[in-house]
Amino acid sequence: FMTGSRVTQMTPVQGGSRLKIESSNGMQEI
């Protein structure tokens, strides 16, 4: 679970998507 977080961008990549997720801990990609 990633609460207090929001998806800011989606980029299609091989095999699916890469999401940029912003939270109080900064930005990360999944």
PDB file of all heavy atoms in Angstrom:
ATOM      1  N   PHE A   1       0.837  -1.194   0.000  1.00  0.00           N
ATOM      2  CA  PHE A   1       0.000   0.000   0.000  1.00  0.00           C
ATOM      3  C   PHE A   1       0.877   1.250   0.000  1.00  0.00           C
ATOM      4  O   PHE A   1       1.857   1.327   0.739  1.00  0.00           O
ATOM      5  CB  PHE A   1      -0.921   0.021   1.220  1.00  0.00           C
ATOM      6  CG  PHE A   1      -2.027  -0.985   1.149  1.00  0.00           C
ATOM      7  CD1 PHE A   1      -1.886  -2.226   1.755  1.00  0.00           C
ATOM      8  CD2 PHE A   1      -3.194  -0.704   0.462  1.00  0.00           C
ATOM      9  CE1 PHE A   1      -2.901  -3.166   1.690  1.00  0.00           C
ATOM     10  CE2 PHE A   1      -4.211  -1.644   0.385  1.00  0.00           C
ATOM     11  CZ  PHE A   1      -4.074  -2.876   0.998  1.00  0.00           C
ATOM     12  N   MET A   2       0.475   2.219  -0.814  1.00  0.00           N
ATOM     13  CA  MET A   2       1.129   3.521  -0.845  1.00  0.00           C
ATOM     14  C   MET A   2       0.036   4.567  -0.618  1.00  0.00           C
ATOM     15  O   MET A   2      -0.634   5.003  -1.560  1.00  0.00           O
ATOM     16  CB  MET A   2       1.835   3.743  -2.179  1.00  0.00           C
ATOM     17  CG  MET A   2       2.910   2.716  -2.495  1.00  0.00           C
ATOM     18  SD  MET A   2       3.661   2.973  -4.130  1.00  0.00           S
ATOM     19  CE  MET A   2       4.495   4.547  -3.883  1.00  0.00           C
ATOM     20  N   THR A   3      -0.177   4.926   0.636  1.00  0.00           N
ATOM     21  CA  THR A   3      -1.189   5.923   0.957  1.00  0.00           C
ATOM     22  C   THR A   3      -0.564   7.314   0.927  1.00  0.00           C
ATOM     23  O   THR A   3       0.659   7.465   0.966  1.00  0.00           O
ATOM     24  CB  THR A   3      -1.813   5.648   2.332  1.00  0.00           C
ATOM     25  OG1 THR A   3      -0.764   5.543   3.306  1.00  0.00           O
ATOM     26  CG2 THR A   3      -2.602   4.346   2.313  1.00  0.00           C
ATOM     27  N   GLY A   4      -1.408   8.341   0.843  1.00  0.00           N
ATOM     28  CA  GLY A   4      -0.900   9.700   0.718  1.00  0.00           C
ATOM     29  C   GLY A   4      -0.077   9.878  -0.548  1.00  0.00           C
ATOM     30  O   GLY A   4       0.867  10.667  -0.570  1.00  0.00           O
ATOM     31  N   SER A   5      -0.453   9.168  -1.598  1.00  0.00           N
ATOM     32  CA  SER A   5       0.342   9.148  -2.831  1.00  0.00           C
ATOM     33  C   SER A   5      -0.561   9.330  -4.050  1.00  0.00           C
ATOM     34  O   SER A   5      -1.750   9.008  -4.012  1.00  0.00           O
ATOM     35  CB  SER A   5       1.099   7.823  -2.967  1.00  0.00           C
ATOM     36  OG  SER A   5       1.912   7.583  -1.837  1.00  0.00           O
ATOM     37  N   ARG A   6       0.030   9.821  -5.136  1.00  0.00           N
ATOM     38  CA  ARG A   6      -0.746   9.976  -6.364  1.00  0.00           C
ATOM     39  C   ARG A   6       0.113   9.685  -7.582  1.00  0.00           C
ATOM     40  O   ARG A   6       1.331   9.934  -7.579  1.00  0.00           O
ATOM     41  CB  ARG A   6      -1.350  11.366  -6.474  1.00  0.00           C
ATOM     42  CG  ARG A   6      -0.362  12.506  -6.644  1.00  0.00           C
ATOM     43  CD  ARG A   6      -1.056  13.860  -6.565  1.00  0.00           C
ATOM     44  NE  ARG A   6      -0.119  14.955  -6.821  1.00  0.00           N
ATOM     45  CZ  ARG A   6      -0.024  15.569  -7.997  1.00  0.00           C
ATOM     46  NH1 ARG A   6      -0.786  15.192  -9.008  1.00  0.00           N
ATOM     47  NH2 ARG A   6       0.834  16.553  -8.161  1.00  0.00           N
ATOM     48  N   VAL A   7      -0.537   9.152  -8.618  1.00  0.00           N
ATOM     49  CA  VAL A   7       0.149   8.879  -9.877  1.00  0.00           C
ATOM     50  C   VAL A   7       0.177  10.160 -10.691  1.00  0.00           C
ATOM     51  O   VAL A   7      -0.869  10.774 -10.948  1.00  0.00           O
ATOM     52  CB  VAL A   7      -0.559   7.760 -10.662  1.00  0.00           C
ATOM     53  CG1 VAL A   7       0.137   7.535 -12.010  1.00  0.00           C
ATOM     54  CG2 VAL A   7      -0.582   6.474  -9.858  1.00  0.00           C
ATOM     55  N   THR A   8       1.364  10.575 -11.101  1.00  0.00           N
ATOM     56  CA  THR A   8       1.496  11.822 -11.867  1.00  0.00           C
ATOM     57  C   THR A   8       1.748  11.588 -13.348  1.00  0.00           C
ATOM     58  O   THR A   8       1.518  12.472 -14.162  1.00  0.00           O
ATOM     59  CB  THR A   8       2.644  12.679 -11.311  1.00  0.00           C
ATOM     60  OG1 THR A   8       3.876  11.936 -11.409  1.00  0.00           O
ATOM     61  CG2 THR A   8       2.390  13.038  -9.856  1.00  0.00           C
ATOM     62  N   GLN A   9       2.217  10.385 -13.693  1.00  0.00           N
ATOM     63  CA  GLN A   9       2.545  10.133 -15.105  1.00  0.00           C
ATOM     64  C   GLN A   9       2.590   8.640 -15.373  1.00  0.00           C
ATOM     65  O   GLN A   9       2.971   7.851 -14.513  1.00  0.00           O
ATOM     66  CB  GLN A   9       3.909  10.757 -15.444  1.00  0.00           C
ATOM     67  CG  GLN A   9       4.300  10.635 -16.904  1.00  0.00           C
ATOM     68  CD  GLN A   9       5.662  11.275 -17.187  1.00  0.00           C
ATOM     69  OE1 GLN A   9       6.099  12.171 -16.457  1.00  0.00           O
ATOM     70  NE2 GLN A   9       6.331  10.822 -18.217  1.00  0.00           N
ATOM     71  N   MET A  10       2.161   8.259 -16.566  1.00  0.00           N
ATOM     72  CA  MET A  10       2.282   6.878 -17.025  1.00  0.00           C
ATOM     73  C   MET A  10       3.005   6.860 -18.356  1.00  0.00           C
ATOM     74  O   MET A  10       2.680   7.633 -19.270  1.00  0.00           O
ATOM     75  CB  MET A  10       0.905   6.234 -17.198  1.00  0.00           C
ATOM     76  CG  MET A  10       0.991   4.765 -17.616  1.00  0.00           C
ATOM     77  SD  MET A  10      -0.530   4.124 -18.367  1.00  0.00           S
ATOM     78  CE  MET A  10      -0.442   4.868 -19.996  1.00  0.00           C
ATOM     79  N   THR A  11       3.972   5.980 -18.457  1.00  0.00           N
ATOM     80  CA  THR A  11       4.705   5.811 -19.706  1.00  0.00           C
ATOM     81  C   THR A  11       4.659   4.346 -20.118  1.00  0.00           C
ATOM     82  O   THR A  11       5.059   3.478 -19.339  1.00  0.00           O
ATOM     83  CB  THR A  11       6.182   6.233 -19.539  1.00  0.00           C
ATOM     84  OG1 THR A  11       6.241   7.570 -19.047  1.00  0.00           O
ATOM     85  CG2 THR A  11       6.916   6.133 -20.871  1.00  0.00           C
ATOM     86  N   PRO A  12       4.157   4.043 -21.324  1.00  0.00           N
ATOM     87  CA  PRO A  12       4.184   2.649 -21.779  1.00  0.00           C
ATOM     88  C   PRO A  12       5.623   2.166 -21.939  1.00  0.00           C
ATOM     89  O   PRO A  12       6.486   2.886 -22.453  1.00  0.00           O
ATOM     90  CB  PRO A  12       3.476   2.703 -23.142  1.00  0.00           C
ATOM     91  CG  PRO A  12       2.666   3.962 -23.106  1.00  0.00           C
ATOM     92  CD  PRO A  12       3.471   4.928 -22.287  1.00  0.00           C
ATOM     93  N   VAL A  13       5.891   0.970 -21.450  1.00  0.00           N
ATOM     94  CA  VAL A  13       7.198   0.333 -21.598  1.00  0.00           C
ATOM     95  C   VAL A  13       6.953  -1.100 -22.041  1.00  0.00           C
ATOM     96  O   VAL A  13       5.814  -1.588 -22.042  1.00  0.00           O
ATOM     97  CB  VAL A  13       8.000   0.357 -20.276  1.00  0.00           C
ATOM     98  CG1 VAL A  13       8.317   1.779 -19.862  1.00  0.00           C
ATOM     99  CG2 VAL A  13       7.252  -0.365 -19.168  1.00  0.00           C
ATOM    100  N   GLN A  14       8.017  -1.781 -22.409  1.00  0.00           N
ATOM    101  CA  GLN A  14       7.865  -3.177 -22.819  1.00  0.00           C
ATOM    102  C   GLN A  14       7.291  -3.999 -21.675  1.00  0.00           C
ATOM    103  O   GLN A  14       7.802  -3.999 -20.563  1.00  0.00           O
ATOM    104  CB  GLN A  14       9.216  -3.750 -23.252  1.00  0.00           C
ATOM    105  CG  GLN A  14       9.108  -5.156 -23.834  1.00  0.00           C
ATOM    106  CD  GLN A  14      10.440  -5.642 -24.384  1.00  0.00           C
ATOM    107  OE1 GLN A  14      11.444  -4.953 -24.311  1.00  0.00           O
ATOM    108  NE2 GLN A  14      10.441  -6.843 -24.935  1.00  0.00           N
ATOM    109  N   GLY A  15       6.194  -4.669 -21.956  1.00  0.00           N
ATOM    110  CA  GLY A  15       5.573  -5.514 -20.952  1.00  0.00           C
ATOM    111  C   GLY A  15       4.607  -4.799 -20.032  1.00  0.00           C
ATOM    112  O   GLY A  15       4.111  -5.395 -19.073  1.00  0.00           O
ATOM    113  N   GLY A  16       4.290  -3.515 -20.312  1.00  0.00           N
ATOM    114  CA  GLY A  16       3.328  -2.836 -19.469  1.00  0.00           C
ATOM    115  C   GLY A  16       3.522  -1.344 -19.393  1.00  0.00           C
ATOM    116  O   GLY A  16       3.695  -0.668 -20.410  1.00  0.00           O
ATOM    117  N   SER A  17       3.512  -0.809 -18.156  1.00  0.00           N
ATOM    118  CA  SER A  17       3.572   0.634 -17.939  1.00  0.00           C
ATOM    119  C   SER A  17       4.580   0.964 -16.846  1.00  0.00           C
ATOM    120  O   SER A  17       4.858   0.148 -15.973  1.00  0.00           O
ATOM    121  CB  SER A  17       2.198   1.169 -17.511  1.00  0.00           C
ATOM    122  OG  SER A  17       1.213   0.876 -18.460  1.00  0.00           O
ATOM    123  N   ARG A  18       5.091   2.185 -16.915  1.00  0.00           N
ATOM    124  CA  ARG A  18       5.937   2.730 -15.845  1.00  0.00           C
ATOM    125  C   ARG A  18       5.212   3.929 -15.263  1.00  0.00           C
ATOM    126  O   ARG A  18       4.864   4.868 -15.982  1.00  0.00           O
ATOM    127  CB  ARG A  18       7.305   3.130 -16.370  1.00  0.00           C
ATOM    128  CG  ARG A  18       8.219   3.762 -15.322  1.00  0.00           C
ATOM    129  CD  ARG A  18       9.654   3.790 -15.813  1.00  0.00           C
ATOM    130  NE  ARG A  18      10.154   2.424 -15.982  1.00  0.00           N
ATOM    131  CZ  ARG A  18      11.087   2.069 -16.883  1.00  0.00           C
ATOM    132  NH1 ARG A  18      11.608   2.985 -17.693  1.00  0.00           N
ATOM    133  NH2 ARG A  18      11.486   0.814 -16.964  1.00  0.00           N
ATOM    134  N   LEU A  19       4.950   3.874 -13.965  1.00  0.00           N
ATOM    135  CA  LEU A  19       4.214   4.941 -13.301  1.00  0.00           C
ATOM    136  C   LEU A  19       5.141   5.777 -12.430  1.00  0.00           C
ATOM    137  O   LEU A  19       6.000   5.239 -11.731  1.00  0.00           O
ATOM    138  CB  LEU A  19       3.116   4.348 -12.414  1.00  0.00           C
ATOM    139  CG  LEU A  19       2.085   3.431 -13.073  1.00  0.00           C
ATOM    140  CD1 LEU A  19       1.053   2.989 -12.040  1.00  0.00           C
ATOM    141  CD2 LEU A  19       1.408   4.111 -14.242  1.00  0.00           C
ATOM    142  N   LYS A  20       4.952   7.093 -12.504  1.00  0.00           N
ATOM    143  CA  LYS A  20       5.601   7.988 -11.555  1.00  0.00           C
ATOM    144  C   LYS A  20       4.610   8.278 -10.443  1.00  0.00           C
ATOM    145  O   LYS A  20       3.484   8.701 -10.692  1.00  0.00           O
ATOM    146  CB  LYS A  20       6.024   9.280 -12.241  1.00  0.00           C
ATOM    147  CG  LYS A  20       7.272   9.152 -13.109  1.00  0.00           C
ATOM    148  CD  LYS A  20       7.764  10.508 -13.575  1.00  0.00           C
ATOM    149  CE  LYS A  20       9.069  10.369 -14.358  1.00  0.00           C
ATOM    150  NZ  LYS A  20       9.564  11.705 -14.827  1.00  0.00           N
ATOM    151  N   ILE A  21       5.051   8.021  -9.213  1.00  0.00           N
ATOM    152  CA  ILE A  21       4.167   8.166  -8.060  1.00  0.00           C
ATOM    153  C   ILE A  21       4.789   9.154  -7.082  1.00  0.00           C
ATOM    154  O   ILE A  21       5.932   8.990  -6.648  1.00  0.00           O
ATOM    155  CB  ILE A  21       3.913   6.810  -7.382  1.00  0.00           C
ATOM    156  CG1 ILE A  21       3.261   5.853  -8.391  1.00  0.00           C
ATOM    157  CG2 ILE A  21       3.044   6.973  -6.144  1.00  0.00           C
ATOM    158  CD1 ILE A  21       3.099   4.449  -7.894  1.00  0.00           C
ATOM    159  N   GLU A  22       3.993  10.182  -6.744  1.00  0.00           N
ATOM    160  CA  GLU A  22       4.459  11.238  -5.858  1.00  0.00           C
ATOM    161  C   GLU A  22       3.859  11.052  -4.472  1.00  0.00           C
ATOM    162  O   GLU A  22       2.656  10.797  -4.323  1.00  0.00           O
ATOM    163  CB  GLU A  22       4.043  12.600  -6.421  1.00  0.00           C
ATOM    164  CG  GLU A  22       4.509  13.786  -5.606  1.00  0.00           C
ATOM    165  CD  GLU A  22       4.029  15.108  -6.186  1.00  0.00           C
ATOM    166  OE1 GLU A  22       3.129  15.097  -7.046  1.00  0.00           O
ATOM    167  OE2 GLU A  22       4.550  16.149  -5.754  1.00  0.00           O
ATOM    168  N   SER A  23       4.692  11.186  -3.452  1.00  0.00           N
ATOM    169  CA  SER A  23       4.219  11.123  -2.068  1.00  0.00           C
ATOM    170  C   SER A  23       5.068  12.060  -1.227  1.00  0.00           C
ATOM    171  O   SER A  23       5.955  12.747  -1.744  1.00  0.00           O
ATOM    172  CB  SER A  23       4.326   9.691  -1.529  1.00  0.00           C
ATOM    173  OG  SER A  23       5.683   9.329  -1.349  1.00  0.00           O
ATOM    174  N   SER A  24       4.811  12.087   0.068  1.00  0.00           N
ATOM    175  CA  SER A  24       5.597  12.944   0.958  1.00  0.00           C
ATOM    176  C   SER A  24       7.053  12.504   1.015  1.00  0.00           C
ATOM    177  O   SER A  24       7.926  13.277   1.431  1.00  0.00           O
ATOM    178  CB  SER A  24       4.993  12.922   2.368  1.00  0.00           C
ATOM    179  OG  SER A  24       4.940  11.601   2.859  1.00  0.00           O
ATOM    180  N   ASN A  25       7.302  11.260   0.600  1.00  0.00           N
ATOM    181  CA  ASN A  25       8.677  10.747   0.582  1.00  0.00           C
ATOM    182  C   ASN A  25       9.402  11.055  -0.720  1.00  0.00           C
ATOM    183  O   ASN A  25      10.530  10.614  -0.920  1.00  0.00           O
ATOM    184  CB  ASN A  25       8.667   9.234   0.801  1.00  0.00           C
ATOM    185  CG  ASN A  25       8.118   8.854   2.158  1.00  0.00           C
ATOM    186  OD1 ASN A  25       8.371   9.550   3.138  1.00  0.00           O
ATOM    187  ND2 ASN A  25       7.359   7.772   2.214  1.00  0.00           N
ATOM    188  N   GLY A  26       8.739  11.801  -1.609  1.00  0.00           N
ATOM    189  CA  GLY A  26       9.349  12.136  -2.885  1.00  0.00           C
ATOM    190  C   GLY A  26       8.720  11.383  -4.041  1.00  0.00           C
ATOM    191  O   GLY A  26       7.612  10.857  -3.932  1.00  0.00           O
ATOM    192  N   MET A  27       9.431  11.316  -5.148  1.00  0.00           N
ATOM    193  CA  MET A  27       8.929  10.673  -6.356  1.00  0.00           C
ATOM    194  C   MET A  27       9.592   9.314  -6.532  1.00  0.00           C
ATOM    195  O   MET A  27      10.788   9.153  -6.294  1.00  0.00           O
ATOM    196  CB  MET A  27       9.240  11.550  -7.575  1.00  0.00           C
ATOM    197  CG  MET A  27       8.553  11.121  -8.851  1.00  0.00           C
ATOM    198  SD  MET A  27       6.810  11.583  -8.904  1.00  0.00           S
ATOM    199  CE  MET A  27       6.933  13.367  -9.123  1.00  0.00           C
ATOM    200  N   GLN A  28       8.804   8.312  -6.928  1.00  0.00           N
ATOM    201  CA  GLN A  28       9.371   7.014  -7.267  1.00  0.00           C
ATOM    202  C   GLN A  28       8.664   6.438  -8.477  1.00  0.00           C
ATOM    203  O   GLN A  28       7.570   6.883  -8.842  1.00  0.00           O
ATOM    204  CB  GLN A  28       9.309   6.052  -6.088  1.00  0.00           C
ATOM    205  CG  GLN A  28       7.928   5.768  -5.556  1.00  0.00           C
ATOM    206  CD  GLN A  28       7.976   4.819  -4.365  1.00  0.00           C
ATOM    207  OE1 GLN A  28       8.377   3.664  -4.495  1.00  0.00           O
ATOM    208  NE2 GLN A  28       7.596   5.315  -3.202  1.00  0.00           N
ATOM    209  N   GLU A  29       9.299   5.459  -9.087  1.00  0.00           N
ATOM    210  CA  GLU A  29       8.742   4.827 -10.284  1.00  0.00           C
ATOM    211  C   GLU A  29       8.437   3.365 -10.000  1.00  0.00           C
ATOM    212  O   GLU A  29       9.185   2.693  -9.292  1.00  0.00           O
ATOM    213  CB  GLU A  29       9.719   4.944 -11.451  1.00  0.00           C
ATOM    214  CG  GLU A  29       9.917   6.377 -11.930  1.00  0.00           C
ATOM    215  CD  GLU A  29      10.809   6.457 -13.172  1.00  0.00           C
ATOM    216  OE1 GLU A  29      11.506   5.443 -13.454  1.00  0.00           O
ATOM    217  OE2 GLU A  29      10.821   7.499 -13.835  1.00  0.00           O
ATOM    218  N   ILE A  30       7.342   2.894 -10.584  1.00  0.00           N
ATOM    219  CA  ILE A  30       6.937   1.493 -10.457  1.00  0.00           C
ATOM    220  C   ILE A  30       6.560   0.972 -11.835  1.00  0.00           C
ATOM    221  O   ILE A  30       5.803   1.620 -12.565  1.00  0.00           O
ATOM    222  CB  ILE A  30       5.732   1.324  -9.506  1.00  0.00           C
ATOM    223  CG1 ILE A  30       6.113   1.701  -8.081  1.00  0.00           C
ATOM    224  CG2 ILE A  30       5.200  -0.103  -9.541  1.00  0.00           C
ATOM    225  CD1 ILE A  30       4.972   1.563  -7.098  1.00  0.00           C
TER     226      ILE A  30
END
